Amino acid sequence: MKKPHNHDEQIAKLTFASVYPHYVTKVENKGRTEKELQQVIEWLTGFNVKKQGELIAEKVTFETFFKKAKLNPNANLITGVICGYRIEDIETPLTRQVRYLDKLVDELAKGRKMEKILRVA
């Protein structure tokens, strides 16, 4: 699947605050909780619930969000297809990181066990 020319730029400019409510709705509609979502975000980025709230209030872009994040060393274990793209084939680091988050949210919404989502050995 070929991506639009400015796809990476669009993702970089999206704010975490604009996408977060959609993540919450997606997981809650499938019987999961916002607390579980926050746990998944913390695992990936190192941001605790308080910091996540601050970043939402600041309306940081995904570019800033992931620059500030301390990505989990096991994030590279997140593989598969999300939004029509194979995660491990995405060349732009920021786009790949955003897709990591999207994939984790999808796994949570699909009812996957938390240990599997968090890549616990």
N, C-alpha and C. Protein backbone atom coordinates (compact mmCIF):
# COMPACT_ATOMS: atom_id res chain seq x y z
N MET A 1 0.84 -1.18 0.00
CA MET A 1 0.00 0.00 0.00
C MET A 1 0.89 1.24 0.00
N LYS A 2 0.69 2.08 -0.97
CA LYS A 2 1.49 3.29 -1.08
C LYS A 2 0.86 4.38 -0.23
N LYS A 3 1.69 5.06 0.55
CA LYS A 3 1.18 6.12 1.41
C LYS A 3 1.23 7.47 0.70
N PRO A 4 0.32 8.37 1.04
CA PRO A 4 0.34 9.70 0.45
C PRO A 4 1.66 10.41 0.76
N HIS A 5 2.05 11.31 -0.10
CA HIS A 5 3.33 12.00 0.01
C HIS A 5 3.54 12.67 1.38
N ASN A 6 2.51 13.30 1.90
CA ASN A 6 2.66 14.05 3.16
C ASN A 6 2.14 13.29 4.38
N HIS A 7 1.98 11.99 4.26
CA HIS A 7 1.44 11.16 5.34
C HIS A 7 2.22 11.33 6.65
N ASP A 8 3.55 11.24 6.58
CA ASP A 8 4.39 11.36 7.77
C ASP A 8 4.25 12.74 8.41
N GLU A 9 4.16 13.78 7.59
CA GLU A 9 4.00 15.14 8.10
C GLU A 9 2.66 15.30 8.81
N GLN A 10 1.62 14.72 8.24
CA GLN A 10 0.30 14.80 8.86
C GLN A 10 0.30 14.14 10.24
N ILE A 11 0.93 12.99 10.33
CA ILE A 11 1.00 12.27 11.60
C ILE A 11 1.78 13.11 12.62
N ALA A 12 2.89 13.68 12.21
CA ALA A 12 3.73 14.47 13.12
C ALA A 12 2.97 15.66 13.70
N LYS A 13 2.07 16.25 12.91
CA LYS A 13 1.35 17.44 13.33
C LYS A 13 0.08 17.15 14.13
N LEU A 14 -0.39 15.91 14.10
CA LEU A 14 -1.56 15.55 14.91
C LEU A 14 -1.23 15.74 16.38
N THR A 15 -2.20 16.19 17.15
CA THR A 15 -1.96 16.31 18.58
C THR A 15 -2.42 15.05 19.29
N PHE A 16 -1.67 14.69 20.31
CA PHE A 16 -2.04 13.54 21.14
C PHE A 16 -3.43 13.78 21.74
N ALA A 17 -3.70 15.02 22.14
CA ALA A 17 -5.00 15.37 22.74
C ALA A 17 -6.16 15.13 21.79
N SER A 18 -5.94 15.29 20.50
CA SER A 18 -7.04 15.10 19.53
C SER A 18 -7.33 13.62 19.29
N VAL A 19 -6.34 12.77 19.48
CA VAL A 19 -6.50 11.35 19.21
C VAL A 19 -6.89 10.56 20.46
N TYR A 20 -6.43 11.01 21.61
CA TYR A 20 -6.65 10.28 22.86
C TYR A 20 -8.13 9.94 23.12
N PRO A 21 -9.06 10.89 22.95
CA PRO A 21 -10.48 10.54 23.19
C PRO A 21 -10.97 9.40 22.29
N HIS A 22 -10.43 9.31 21.09
CA HIS A 22 -10.80 8.22 20.17
C HIS A 22 -10.27 6.89 20.68
N TYR A 23 -9.06 6.91 21.25
CA TYR A 23 -8.51 5.70 21.86
C TYR A 23 -9.42 5.25 23.02
N VAL A 24 -9.81 6.20 23.86
CA VAL A 24 -10.67 5.88 25.01
C VAL A 24 -11.98 5.28 24.53
N THR A 25 -12.62 5.91 23.58
CA THR A 25 -13.89 5.42 23.05
C THR A 25 -13.73 4.02 22.48
N LYS A 26 -12.69 3.80 21.73
CA LYS A 26 -12.45 2.51 21.09
C LYS A 26 -12.32 1.40 22.13
N VAL A 27 -11.52 1.62 23.16
CA VAL A 27 -11.32 0.55 24.15
C VAL A 27 -12.55 0.38 25.04
N GLU A 28 -13.20 1.48 25.41
CA GLU A 28 -14.38 1.37 26.27
C GLU A 28 -15.55 0.71 25.56
N ASN A 29 -15.68 0.95 24.26
CA ASN A 29 -16.75 0.30 23.49
C ASN A 29 -16.56 -1.21 23.43
N LYS A 30 -15.35 -1.66 23.68
CA LYS A 30 -15.05 -3.10 23.65
C LYS A 30 -14.90 -3.68 25.05
N GLY A 31 -15.33 -2.92 26.07
CA GLY A 31 -15.33 -3.44 27.43
C GLY A 31 -14.03 -3.27 28.20
N ARG A 32 -13.09 -2.52 27.67
CA ARG A 32 -11.85 -2.27 28.39
C ARG A 32 -11.95 -0.90 29.06
N THR A 33 -10.96 -0.53 29.84
CA THR A 33 -11.05 0.70 30.62
C THR A 33 -10.00 1.72 30.20
N GLU A 34 -10.27 2.98 30.55
CA GLU A 34 -9.29 4.03 30.30
C GLU A 34 -8.02 3.76 31.11
N LYS A 35 -8.18 3.20 32.30
CA LYS A 35 -7.02 2.87 33.13
C LYS A 35 -6.11 1.86 32.41
N GLU A 36 -6.70 0.89 31.75
CA GLU A 36 -5.90 -0.07 30.98
C GLU A 36 -5.20 0.62 29.81
N LEU A 37 -5.90 1.53 29.16
CA LEU A 37 -5.30 2.32 28.07
C LEU A 37 -4.10 3.10 28.58
N GLN A 38 -4.27 3.74 29.72
CA GLN A 38 -3.18 4.52 30.31
C GLN A 38 -1.99 3.63 30.65
N GLN A 39 -2.27 2.42 31.10
CA GLN A 39 -1.20 1.47 31.41
C GLN A 39 -0.42 1.11 30.14
N VAL A 40 -1.13 0.90 29.05
CA VAL A 40 -0.50 0.57 27.77
C VAL A 40 0.36 1.74 27.29
N ILE A 41 -0.17 2.95 27.39
CA ILE A 41 0.58 4.14 26.97
C ILE A 41 1.84 4.30 27.84
N GLU A 42 1.70 4.07 29.13
CA GLU A 42 2.86 4.17 30.02
C GLU A 42 3.92 3.14 29.66
N TRP A 43 3.48 1.92 29.36
CA TRP A 43 4.44 0.88 28.99
C TRP A 43 5.23 1.31 27.76
N LEU A 44 4.54 1.84 26.75
CA LEU A 44 5.21 2.21 25.50
C LEU A 44 6.10 3.44 25.66
N THR A 45 5.62 4.46 26.38
CA THR A 45 6.28 5.77 26.37
C THR A 45 7.02 6.13 27.66
N GLY A 46 6.67 5.47 28.75
CA GLY A 46 7.23 5.84 30.04
C GLY A 46 6.47 6.96 30.73
N PHE A 47 5.41 7.49 30.09
CA PHE A 47 4.63 8.58 30.68
C PHE A 47 3.59 8.01 31.65
N ASN A 48 3.67 8.40 32.93
CA ASN A 48 2.65 7.97 33.88
C ASN A 48 1.35 8.74 33.60
N VAL A 49 0.31 8.40 34.34
CA VAL A 49 -1.01 9.00 34.10
C VAL A 49 -0.96 10.52 34.23
N LYS A 50 -0.25 11.00 35.24
CA LYS A 50 -0.15 12.46 35.44
C LYS A 50 0.50 13.12 34.23
N LYS A 51 1.60 12.56 33.77
CA LYS A 51 2.32 13.13 32.62
C LYS A 51 1.45 13.05 31.35
N GLN A 52 0.73 11.95 31.19
CA GLN A 52 -0.17 11.83 30.04
C GLN A 52 -1.18 12.97 30.06
N GLY A 53 -1.74 13.26 31.23
CA GLY A 53 -2.70 14.35 31.37
C GLY A 53 -2.09 15.71 31.04
N GLU A 54 -0.84 15.91 31.48
CA GLU A 54 -0.16 17.17 31.17
C GLU A 54 0.05 17.33 29.67
N LEU A 55 0.45 16.25 29.01
CA LEU A 55 0.70 16.31 27.57
C LEU A 55 -0.60 16.56 26.79
N ILE A 56 -1.69 16.02 27.29
CA ILE A 56 -3.00 16.28 26.69
C ILE A 56 -3.35 17.75 26.87
N ALA A 57 -3.18 18.26 28.09
CA ALA A 57 -3.50 19.67 28.38
C ALA A 57 -2.63 20.61 27.55
N GLU A 58 -1.37 20.24 27.33
CA GLU A 58 -0.46 21.07 26.54
C GLU A 58 -0.73 20.96 25.04
N LYS A 59 -1.55 19.99 24.65
CA LYS A 59 -1.87 19.76 23.24
C LYS A 59 -0.62 19.57 22.40
N VAL A 60 0.27 18.71 22.89
CA VAL A 60 1.51 18.45 22.16
C VAL A 60 1.22 17.63 20.91
N THR A 61 2.03 17.85 19.90
CA THR A 61 1.92 17.06 18.68
C THR A 61 2.51 15.68 18.94
N PHE A 62 2.21 14.73 18.07
CA PHE A 62 2.82 13.41 18.19
C PHE A 62 4.35 13.53 18.07
N GLU A 63 4.81 14.47 17.27
CA GLU A 63 6.25 14.66 17.13
C GLU A 63 6.88 14.99 18.49
N THR A 64 6.30 15.95 19.20
CA THR A 64 6.80 16.32 20.53
C THR A 64 6.57 15.20 21.54
N PHE A 65 5.41 14.57 21.47
CA PHE A 65 5.06 13.48 22.37
C PHE A 65 6.13 12.39 22.34
N PHE A 66 6.49 11.96 21.14
CA PHE A 66 7.46 10.87 21.05
C PHE A 66 8.90 11.34 21.24
N LYS A 67 9.18 12.63 21.03
CA LYS A 67 10.51 13.14 21.34
C LYS A 67 10.75 13.10 22.85
N LYS A 68 9.69 13.37 23.61
CA LYS A 68 9.78 13.38 25.07
C LYS A 68 9.71 11.97 25.66
N ALA A 69 9.19 11.04 24.91
CA ALA A 69 8.98 9.67 25.41
C ALA A 69 10.30 8.91 25.54
N LYS A 70 10.28 7.98 26.48
CA LYS A 70 11.38 7.02 26.60
C LYS A 70 10.78 5.69 26.15
N LEU A 71 10.93 5.41 24.87
CA LEU A 71 10.28 4.24 24.27
C LEU A 71 10.74 2.95 24.95
N ASN A 72 9.79 2.08 25.23
CA ASN A 72 10.10 0.80 25.85
C ASN A 72 11.06 0.03 24.96
N PRO A 73 12.11 -0.58 25.55
CA PRO A 73 13.07 -1.34 24.75
C PRO A 73 12.44 -2.51 23.99
N ASN A 74 11.28 -2.97 24.44
CA ASN A 74 10.60 -4.07 23.75
C ASN A 74 9.59 -3.60 22.71
N ALA A 75 9.56 -2.30 22.44
CA ALA A 75 8.60 -1.77 21.46
C ALA A 75 8.80 -2.41 20.09
N ASN A 76 10.04 -2.78 19.77
CA ASN A 76 10.29 -3.39 18.46
C ASN A 76 9.63 -4.76 18.31
N LEU A 77 9.11 -5.30 19.41
CA LEU A 77 8.37 -6.57 19.34
C LEU A 77 6.95 -6.38 18.85
N ILE A 78 6.53 -5.13 18.71
CA ILE A 78 5.19 -4.82 18.19
C ILE A 78 5.26 -4.93 16.68
N THR A 79 4.58 -5.93 16.15
CA THR A 79 4.60 -6.17 14.71
C THR A 79 3.17 -6.37 14.21
N GLY A 80 3.04 -6.47 12.91
CA GLY A 80 1.74 -6.71 12.31
C GLY A 80 1.30 -5.54 11.44
N VAL A 81 0.05 -5.60 11.04
CA VAL A 81 -0.50 -4.59 10.14
C VAL A 81 -1.45 -3.68 10.91
N ILE A 82 -1.28 -2.39 10.69
CA ILE A 82 -2.19 -1.40 11.28
C ILE A 82 -2.43 -0.32 10.24
N CYS A 83 -3.68 0.03 10.04
CA CYS A 83 -4.05 1.05 9.06
C CYS A 83 -3.49 0.73 7.67
N GLY A 84 -3.39 -0.54 7.36
CA GLY A 84 -2.93 -0.96 6.05
C GLY A 84 -1.43 -1.00 5.87
N TYR A 85 -0.69 -0.73 6.93
CA TYR A 85 0.78 -0.72 6.85
C TYR A 85 1.36 -1.79 7.77
N ARG A 86 2.36 -2.50 7.29
CA ARG A 86 3.10 -3.45 8.12
C ARG A 86 4.06 -2.63 8.97
N ILE A 87 3.86 -2.67 10.28
CA ILE A 87 4.62 -1.81 11.20
C ILE A 87 6.12 -1.93 11.01
N GLU A 88 6.60 -3.16 10.92
CA GLU A 88 8.05 -3.35 10.83
C GLU A 88 8.65 -2.83 9.53
N ASP A 89 7.81 -2.51 8.54
CA ASP A 89 8.29 -1.97 7.26
C ASP A 89 8.22 -0.44 7.19
N ILE A 90 7.66 0.19 8.19
CA ILE A 90 7.54 1.66 8.18
C ILE A 90 8.93 2.25 8.43
N GLU A 91 9.38 3.08 7.51
CA GLU A 91 10.74 3.61 7.57
C GLU A 91 10.88 4.83 8.47
N THR A 92 9.87 5.68 8.53
CA THR A 92 9.95 6.89 9.34
C THR A 92 9.76 6.55 10.81
N PRO A 93 10.76 6.81 11.65
CA PRO A 93 10.66 6.43 13.07
C PRO A 93 9.41 6.95 13.78
N LEU A 94 9.07 8.23 13.57
CA LEU A 94 7.90 8.78 14.25
C LEU A 94 6.62 8.07 13.82
N THR A 95 6.45 7.87 12.54
CA THR A 95 5.26 7.17 12.05
C THR A 95 5.19 5.77 12.61
N ARG A 96 6.33 5.08 12.68
CA ARG A 96 6.37 3.73 13.25
C ARG A 96 5.97 3.77 14.72
N GLN A 97 6.43 4.76 15.47
CA GLN A 97 6.10 4.87 16.89
C GLN A 97 4.61 5.12 17.09
N VAL A 98 4.04 5.99 16.27
CA VAL A 98 2.59 6.25 16.36
C VAL A 98 1.82 4.97 16.04
N ARG A 99 2.28 4.23 15.05
CA ARG A 99 1.62 2.98 14.69
C ARG A 99 1.80 1.91 15.77
N TYR A 100 2.92 1.96 16.51
CA TYR A 100 3.06 1.08 17.68
C TYR A 100 1.91 1.34 18.64
N LEU A 101 1.67 2.62 18.92
CA LEU A 101 0.60 2.99 19.84
C LEU A 101 -0.75 2.56 19.30
N ASP A 102 -1.00 2.80 18.03
CA ASP A 102 -2.26 2.37 17.41
C ASP A 102 -2.46 0.87 17.54
N LYS A 103 -1.40 0.11 17.31
CA LYS A 103 -1.47 -1.35 17.38
C LYS A 103 -1.79 -1.81 18.80
N LEU A 104 -1.15 -1.20 19.79
CA LEU A 104 -1.42 -1.56 21.18
C LEU A 104 -2.87 -1.26 21.56
N VAL A 105 -3.37 -0.12 21.10
CA VAL A 105 -4.77 0.23 21.36
C VAL A 105 -5.71 -0.79 20.71
N ASP A 106 -5.40 -1.19 19.47
CA ASP A 106 -6.20 -2.21 18.79
C ASP A 106 -6.19 -3.52 19.56
N GLU A 107 -5.01 -3.93 20.01
CA GLU A 107 -4.91 -5.19 20.76
C GLU A 107 -5.72 -5.12 22.05
N LEU A 108 -5.68 -3.99 22.72
CA LEU A 108 -6.46 -3.81 23.94
C LEU A 108 -7.95 -3.90 23.62
N ALA A 109 -8.37 -3.21 22.58
CA ALA A 109 -9.79 -3.21 22.19
C ALA A 109 -10.26 -4.59 21.75
N LYS A 110 -9.37 -5.38 21.20
CA LYS A 110 -9.74 -6.72 20.74
C LYS A 110 -9.76 -7.75 21.86
N GLY A 111 -9.45 -7.30 23.08
CA GLY A 111 -9.55 -8.20 24.23
C GLY A 111 -8.31 -9.03 24.51
N ARG A 112 -7.20 -8.67 23.90
CA ARG A 112 -5.97 -9.40 24.14
C ARG A 112 -5.56 -9.24 25.60
N LYS A 113 -4.97 -10.26 26.16
CA LYS A 113 -4.52 -10.21 27.55
C LYS A 113 -3.43 -9.16 27.71
N MET A 114 -3.45 -8.46 28.84
CA MET A 114 -2.50 -7.38 29.09
C MET A 114 -1.05 -7.87 29.03
N GLU A 115 -0.79 -9.07 29.51
CA GLU A 115 0.59 -9.61 29.48
C GLU A 115 1.10 -9.70 28.04
N LYS A 116 0.22 -10.07 27.13
CA LYS A 116 0.61 -10.19 25.72
C LYS A 116 0.80 -8.81 25.10
N ILE A 117 -0.10 -7.87 25.44
CA ILE A 117 0.00 -6.51 24.90
C ILE A 117 1.32 -5.88 25.35
N LEU A 118 1.68 -6.10 26.59
CA LEU A 118 2.89 -5.49 27.15
C LEU A 118 4.14 -6.30 26.90
N ARG A 119 4.00 -7.31 26.05
CA ARG A 119 5.13 -8.14 25.62
C ARG A 119 5.93 -8.66 26.81
N VAL A 120 5.19 -9.18 27.82
CA VAL A 120 5.83 -9.80 28.98
C VAL A 120 6.23 -11.22 28.61
N ALA A 121 7.48 -11.53 28.85
CA ALA A 121 8.00 -12.86 28.47
C ALA A 121 7.32 -13.97 29.24
